[in-house]
Protein backbone atom coordinates (compact mmCIF):
# COMPACT_ATOMS: atom_id res chain seq x y z
CA UNK A 1 -5.74 -8.50 -23.53
CA UNK A 2 -6.85 -6.82 -20.44
CA UNK A 3 -6.87 -7.58 -17.22
CA UNK A 4 -9.05 -6.34 -14.78
CA UNK A 5 -8.42 -4.86 -11.46
CA UNK A 6 -11.31 -4.07 -9.30
CA UNK A 7 -12.21 -2.08 -5.74
CA UNK A 8 -14.87 -2.15 -3.26
CA UNK A 9 -15.37 -0.71 -0.66
CA UNK A 10 -17.49 -1.57 2.41
CA UNK A 11 -16.77 2.37 4.30
CA UNK A 12 -15.69 4.96 2.24
CA UNK A 13 -17.33 5.73 -0.44
CA UNK A 14 -16.46 4.33 -4.01
CA UNK A 15 -16.23 8.10 -5.65
CA UNK A 16 -14.22 9.43 -2.72
CA UNK A 17 -11.39 6.47 -2.84
CA UNK A 18 -11.48 6.63 -6.94
CA UNK A 19 -9.63 10.10 -5.88
CA UNK A 20 -7.01 7.22 -4.04
CA UNK A 21 -5.48 5.29 -6.78
CA UNK A 22 -3.83 7.37 -9.10
CA UNK A 23 -1.90 6.04 -12.43
CA UNK A 24 0.86 8.16 -14.63
CA UNK A 25 1.40 11.40 -15.01
CA UNK A 26 -1.38 11.88 -11.89
CA UNK A 27 0.91 9.17 -9.55
CA UNK A 28 4.37 11.02 -9.62
CA UNK A 29 5.82 12.43 -7.01
CA UNK A 30 4.71 16.26 -6.30
CA UNK A 31 8.08 17.57 -6.45
CA UNK A 32 8.66 16.05 -9.69
CA UNK A 33 7.30 19.51 -11.57
CA UNK A 34 9.67 21.31 -10.28
CA UNK A 35 12.64 19.21 -11.00
CA UNK A 36 14.36 21.19 -14.06
CA UNK A 37 15.78 18.46 -17.32
CA UNK A 38 19.06 20.46 -16.84
CA UNK A 39 20.48 21.34 -13.61
CA UNK A 40 22.93 23.54 -15.45
CA UNK A 41 23.81 24.73 -19.71
CA UNK A 42 25.27 21.75 -20.77
CA UNK A 43 23.21 19.03 -22.07
CA UNK A 44 25.09 16.75 -20.26
CA UNK A 45 24.19 17.76 -16.61
CA UNK A 46 20.49 16.01 -16.63
CA UNK A 47 18.43 15.34 -13.85
CA UNK A 48 16.57 12.33 -13.20
CA UNK A 49 13.54 13.37 -14.97
CA UNK A 50 16.06 12.62 -18.02
CA UNK A 51 15.85 8.70 -16.25
CA UNK A 52 14.35 5.82 -17.79
CA UNK A 53 14.22 3.49 -14.51
CA UNK A 54 12.68 6.44 -12.70
CA UNK A 55 9.99 7.48 -15.46
CA UNK A 56 9.02 3.58 -16.41
CA UNK A 57 8.55 2.81 -12.83
CA UNK A 58 5.94 5.00 -11.97
CA UNK A 59 4.19 4.76 -15.69
CA UNK A 60 3.90 0.79 -14.46
CA UNK A 61 2.99 1.80 -10.87
CA UNK A 62 -0.34 2.98 -9.26
CA UNK A 63 -0.23 4.34 -6.73
CA UNK A 64 -2.36 4.53 -3.15
CA UNK A 65 -2.67 7.84 -1.02
CA UNK A 66 -4.17 7.77 1.57
CA UNK A 67 -7.89 8.23 2.34
CA UNK A 68 -7.39 10.24 5.57
CA UNK A 69 -5.02 11.64 7.64
CA UNK A 70 -4.01 9.73 10.28
CA UNK A 71 -1.63 9.83 13.70
CA UNK A 72 -0.22 7.40 15.52
CA UNK A 73 1.86 7.76 18.85
CA UNK A 74 4.21 4.76 20.32
CA UNK A 75 5.41 4.92 23.91
CA UNK A 76 6.87 2.79 26.31
CA UNK A 77 7.45 -0.01 22.95
CA UNK A 78 3.59 -0.12 22.14
CA UNK A 79 1.10 1.46 20.09
CA UNK A 80 -0.88 4.04 22.80
CA UNK A 81 -3.10 5.74 20.75
CA UNK A 82 -4.35 6.12 16.77
CA UNK A 83 -6.55 8.50 15.04
CA UNK A 84 -7.56 8.45 10.90
CA UNK A 85 -9.13 11.81 10.55
CA UNK A 86 -10.55 13.91 13.80
CA UNK A 87 -11.61 9.60 14.75
CA UNK A 88 -15.30 9.29 13.25
CA UNK A 89 -12.94 5.68 11.07
CA UNK A 90 -11.80 4.46 14.25
CA UNK A 91 -13.99 2.40 15.03
CA UNK A 92 -14.54 1.19 11.52
CA UNK A 93 -11.05 0.57 10.51
CA UNK A 94 -8.99 -2.11 12.00
CA UNK A 95 -5.64 -1.47 13.75
CA UNK A 96 -3.64 -3.68 15.47
CA UNK A 97 0.15 -4.14 15.98
CA UNK A 98 1.76 -7.71 15.28
CA UNK A 99 3.22 -9.54 17.99
CA UNK A 100 7.08 -9.36 17.65
CA UNK A 101 6.70 -13.08 17.58
CA UNK A 102 5.82 -13.64 14.52
CA UNK A 103 8.65 -11.71 12.94
CA UNK A 104 10.99 -9.02 14.73
CA UNK A 105 12.21 -11.78 17.21
CA UNK A 106 13.42 -13.46 14.69
CA UNK A 107 15.11 -10.97 13.43
CA UNK A 108 18.38 -9.50 13.49
CA UNK A 109 16.90 -6.54 14.48
CA UNK A 110 18.68 -3.37 15.99
CA UNK A 111 16.06 -0.67 13.89
CA UNK A 112 12.33 -1.87 14.81
CA UNK A 113 9.83 -2.24 17.73
CA UNK A 114 6.70 -3.35 16.60
CA UNK A 115 4.34 -3.66 12.92
CA UNK A 116 1.46 -1.77 12.68
CA UNK A 117 -0.64 -3.29 11.04
CA UNK A 118 -3.63 -1.06 9.23
CA UNK A 119 -6.39 -2.55 7.37
CA UNK A 120 -8.75 0.23 5.73
CA UNK A 121 -11.80 -2.13 4.75
CA UNK A 122 -11.38 -1.83 1.18
CA UNK A 123 -10.99 -4.59 -0.90
CA UNK A 124 -9.26 -5.37 -4.14
CA UNK A 125 -9.50 -8.06 -6.99
CA UNK A 126 -6.95 -8.22 -9.92
CA UNK A 127 -6.96 -10.82 -12.92
CA UNK A 128 -2.67 -10.45 -12.24
CA UNK A 129 -0.93 -11.06 -9.10
CA UNK A 130 -0.34 -7.74 -7.31
CA UNK A 131 3.39 -6.93 -6.04
CA UNK A 132 3.43 -3.58 -3.06
CA UNK A 133 6.18 -1.92 -2.60
CA UNK A 134 7.13 1.21 -0.35
CA UNK A 135 6.53 4.16 -1.46
CA UNK A 136 10.54 4.90 -1.33
CA UNK A 137 10.41 8.29 -3.98
CA UNK A 138 8.52 10.22 -1.18
CA UNK A 139 12.01 10.05 0.89
CA UNK A 140 9.85 9.62 4.05
CA UNK A 141 10.58 8.77 7.63
CA UNK A 142 8.89 5.86 7.69
CA UNK A 143 7.83 2.97 5.42
CA UNK A 144 5.83 -0.09 4.64
CA UNK A 145 6.53 -3.63 4.42
CA UNK A 146 5.87 -4.68 0.46
CA UNK A 147 3.69 -8.42 -0.29
CA UNK A 148 2.72 -10.32 -2.96
CA UNK A 149 -0.91 -11.79 -3.72
CA UNK A 150 -2.94 -13.28 -6.29
CA UNK A 151 -6.91 -12.21 -5.66
CA UNK A 152 -8.20 -13.68 -8.83
CA UNK A 153 -11.04 -15.37 -7.77
CA UNK A 154 -12.18 -13.49 -4.19
CA UNK A 155 -11.51 -10.02 -3.27
CA UNK A 156 -9.05 -9.14 -0.36
CA UNK A 157 -8.53 -6.54 2.29
CA UNK A 158 -6.41 -4.24 1.03
CA UNK A 159 -3.74 -3.89 4.21
CA UNK A 160 -0.44 -1.94 5.15
CA UNK A 161 2.34 -3.38 7.13
CA UNK A 162 4.20 -0.74 8.70
CA UNK A 163 7.12 -1.02 10.73
CA UNK A 164 8.00 1.49 13.09
CA UNK A 165 11.50 2.08 14.14
CA UNK A 166 12.83 2.58 18.25
CA UNK A 167 13.44 6.45 17.94
CA UNK A 168 9.89 6.89 16.91
CA UNK A 169 7.78 7.71 19.28
CA UNK A 170 4.81 9.80 16.41
CA UNK A 171 4.20 9.06 13.08
CA UNK A 172 0.84 11.44 11.21
CA UNK A 173 0.79 10.53 7.66
CA UNK A 174 -1.81 13.34 5.58
CA UNK A 175 -4.66 12.84 3.76
CA UNK A 176 -3.81 12.26 0.38
CA UNK A 177 0.00 10.77 1.15
CA UNK A 178 1.28 8.34 -0.60
CA UNK A 179 1.07 5.12 1.54
CA UNK A 180 2.12 2.26 -1.13
CA UNK A 181 2.52 0.83 -4.70
CA UNK A 182 1.52 -1.27 -6.44
CA UNK A 183 2.83 -3.08 -9.87
CA UNK A 184 1.46 -6.16 -11.81
CA UNK A 185 2.69 -8.89 -12.89
CA UNK A 186 1.81 -9.30 -16.13
CA UNK A 187 2.64 -7.22 -19.78
CA UNK A 188 -0.53 -6.22 -20.79
CA UNK A 189 -2.82 -3.56 -19.67
CA UNK A 190 -4.66 -2.87 -16.81
CA UNK A 191 -8.56 -2.02 -16.80
CA UNK A 192 -9.45 -0.26 -13.22
CA UNK A 193 -12.57 -0.12 -12.29
CA UNK A 194 -14.67 0.70 -9.04
CA UNK A 195 -17.19 -1.07 -7.57
CA UNK A 196 -20.01 0.12 -4.84
CA UNK A 197 -20.80 -3.65 -4.50
CA UNK A 198 -20.55 -4.55 -0.49
CA UNK A 199 -17.95 -6.78 0.52
CA UNK A 200 -18.40 -9.71 2.91
CA UNK A 201 -15.18 -12.04 3.79
CA UNK A 202 -17.70 -14.64 5.74
CA UNK A 203 -20.17 -15.01 1.89
CA UNK A 204 -16.60 -17.31 1.05
CA UNK A 205 -15.46 -20.46 3.08
CA UNK A 206 -11.82 -20.23 1.15
CA UNK A 207 -10.67 -17.03 3.87
CA UNK A 208 -9.30 -16.28 7.02
CA UNK A 209 -12.80 -16.04 8.47
CA UNK A 210 -12.94 -20.02 8.21
CA UNK A 211 -9.45 -21.13 8.21
CA UNK A 212 -6.63 -20.79 10.06
CA UNK A 213 -4.41 -20.12 7.39
CA UNK A 214 -4.64 -19.60 3.55
CA UNK A 215 -1.69 -20.52 2.55
CA UNK A 216 -2.18 -23.66 1.14
CA UNK A 217 -4.62 -21.68 -1.42
CA UNK A 218 -3.16 -19.14 -2.23
CA UNK A 219 0.73 -19.63 -2.94
CA UNK A 220 2.28 -18.54 -5.91
CA UNK A 221 4.36 -19.99 -8.41
CA UNK A 222 8.15 -19.29 -8.55
CA UNK A 223 9.17 -16.95 -10.88
CA UNK A 224 12.88 -17.41 -10.91
CA UNK A 225 13.62 -21.09 -11.46
């Protein structure tokens, strides 16, 4: 049995967006090809290239990379300015800051100023629940927050939540840089599809376009009992 994963885009041409969803082995970090199997002559001196945990991880995840350059300028604990590419996408993409009243005010937090939400108007539909992970193996100075969704019946917009550290005054993300990893709650194969169909959330009443909250409709069962 195969599970379908379908990607829609209202703005970025789907033929371009295809290049931003990477599966194994194209999803491996760029530095991987430079790592030798051994770091000296001994067969016991193996590198991460022989680690099943590392290799299997990338065999199981889909990596979403940035379709364009992005820049976020921070000043006085607020998002002062942002750009995608040279700015042509600025009026088409949605970048907002989450009020700290939604989360950070309740966290024992000395590290973060606020959280940026980036909505790229790409939509995703999946037969299997989707797990979103920070791209930790990139070892960069910014991160994204994890989450789980299951957009089986209605596609949902593909969002990214970026917590901004207190010492940060600028975040630059280059085109094709990995944004986050996606994994699937299934042992079955995942078949990736790209659709040219334009999607409008307002065509479905069971969405945030019509409701204050969709938690009751989208909550998943517990995995650990």
